[in-house]
Amino acid sequence: MPNVEKVSVSMTTQHAELLRDAVSSGAYASGSEVVREAMRDWSAKWMQKRGDIAKLRAMWEEGKASGPAVEVDFDTALNEARQEMASSAPHAR
């Protein structure tokens, strides 16, 4: 396997047992294969999390740039949203 780096990993006894079980069941050829799959899954989650954090930061900055905070009556805002949705909904005939 080209461009492979050997790394030592410590894990709980329970995780080690799960790893050995996955290999002994024949589902994986080696413990390294189990760890590589776990890393692929984690990498996808990590990339999604990084994207989510970037979006939240952008939204935070947009909110700060929009001006000072103003008090909003939640019930009024909710009623306005309901009226807007009702007026844009197709009417039953």
Protein backbone atom coordinates (compact mmCIF):
# COMPACT_ATOMS: atom_id res chain seq x y z
CA MET A 1 0.00 0.00 0.00
CA PRO A 2 1.71 3.23 -1.11
CA ASN A 3 1.89 6.30 1.10
CA VAL A 4 1.01 4.46 4.28
CA GLU A 5 2.19 5.64 7.66
CA LYS A 6 2.30 3.29 10.61
CA VAL A 7 0.71 4.76 13.74
CA SER A 8 0.25 3.28 17.19
CA VAL A 9 -3.23 3.71 18.66
CA SER A 10 -4.39 3.11 22.22
CA MET A 11 -7.99 2.06 22.83
CA THR A 12 -10.21 0.70 25.54
CA THR A 13 -10.40 -3.02 26.15
CA GLN A 14 -13.96 -3.01 24.82
CA HIS A 15 -12.91 -1.35 21.56
CA ALA A 16 -10.01 -3.78 21.17
CA GLU A 17 -12.40 -6.71 21.67
CA LEU A 18 -14.76 -5.30 19.03
CA LEU A 19 -11.85 -4.88 16.62
CA ARG A 20 -10.65 -8.45 17.18
CA ASP A 21 -14.22 -9.74 16.81
CA ALA A 22 -14.66 -7.92 13.49
CA VAL A 23 -11.47 -9.55 12.18
CA SER A 24 -12.18 -13.02 13.56
CA SER A 25 -15.69 -12.93 12.09
CA GLY A 26 -14.15 -12.56 8.64
CA ALA A 27 -15.77 -9.18 8.03
CA TYR A 28 -12.32 -7.57 7.89
CA ALA A 29 -8.94 -8.94 6.89
CA SER A 30 -7.05 -7.10 9.64
CA GLY A 31 -7.31 -4.67 12.50
CA SER A 32 -5.76 -2.05 10.24
CA GLU A 33 -8.64 -2.48 7.81
CA VAL A 34 -11.13 -1.88 10.65
CA VAL A 35 -9.29 1.26 11.74
CA ARG A 36 -9.03 2.56 8.15
CA GLU A 37 -12.80 2.19 7.71
CA ALA A 38 -13.41 3.91 11.05
CA MET A 39 -11.13 6.75 9.94
CA ARG A 40 -13.02 7.13 6.64
CA ASP A 41 -16.32 7.38 8.55
CA TRP A 42 -14.84 9.83 11.05
CA SER A 43 -13.28 11.91 8.26
CA ALA A 44 -16.68 12.34 6.57
CA LYS A 45 -18.26 13.41 9.88
CA TRP A 46 -15.37 15.76 10.61
CA MET A 47 -15.63 17.45 7.21
CA GLN A 48 -19.38 17.91 7.72
CA LYS A 49 -18.79 19.34 11.20
CA ARG A 50 -16.17 21.75 9.86
CA GLY A 51 -18.63 22.92 7.21
CA ASP A 52 -21.36 23.37 9.80
CA ILE A 53 -19.03 25.39 12.03
CA ALA A 54 -18.05 27.61 9.09
CA LYS A 55 -21.72 28.23 8.28
CA LEU A 56 -22.51 29.09 11.89
CA ARG A 57 -19.58 31.49 12.04
CA ALA A 58 -20.73 33.18 8.82
CA MET A 59 -24.28 33.47 10.17
CA TRP A 60 -22.92 34.90 13.43
CA GLU A 61 -20.89 37.52 11.55
CA GLU A 62 -23.88 38.35 9.34
CA GLY A 63 -26.02 38.83 12.44
CA LYS A 64 -23.44 41.07 14.10
CA ALA A 65 -23.11 43.13 10.93
CA SER A 66 -26.86 43.58 10.60
CA GLY A 67 -26.95 46.15 13.37
CA PRO A 68 -27.95 46.32 16.99
CA ALA A 69 -30.32 43.77 18.45
CA VAL A 70 -33.95 44.75 18.74
CA GLU A 71 -36.54 43.22 21.00
CA VAL A 72 -39.09 41.07 19.17
CA ASP A 73 -42.45 39.89 20.47
CA PHE A 74 -42.41 36.19 19.63
CA ASP A 75 -46.21 35.84 19.54
CA THR A 76 -46.54 38.73 17.09
CA ALA A 77 -43.76 37.36 14.88
CA LEU A 78 -45.36 33.90 14.92
CA ASN A 79 -48.78 35.28 14.00
CA GLU A 80 -47.26 37.32 11.16
CA ALA A 81 -45.49 34.21 9.84
CA ARG A 82 -48.72 32.21 10.00
CA GLN A 83 -50.62 34.94 8.14
CA GLU A 84 -47.91 35.10 5.48
CA MET A 85 -47.98 31.33 5.02
CA ALA A 86 -51.78 31.27 4.86
CA SER A 87 -51.83 34.00 2.20
CA SER A 88 -49.26 32.21 0.03
CA ALA A 89 -50.82 28.73 0.36
CA PRO A 90 -52.92 27.46 -2.55
CA HIS A 91 -56.62 27.74 -1.77
CA ALA A 92 -58.77 24.63 -1.77
CA ARG A 93 -61.80 24.76 -4.05
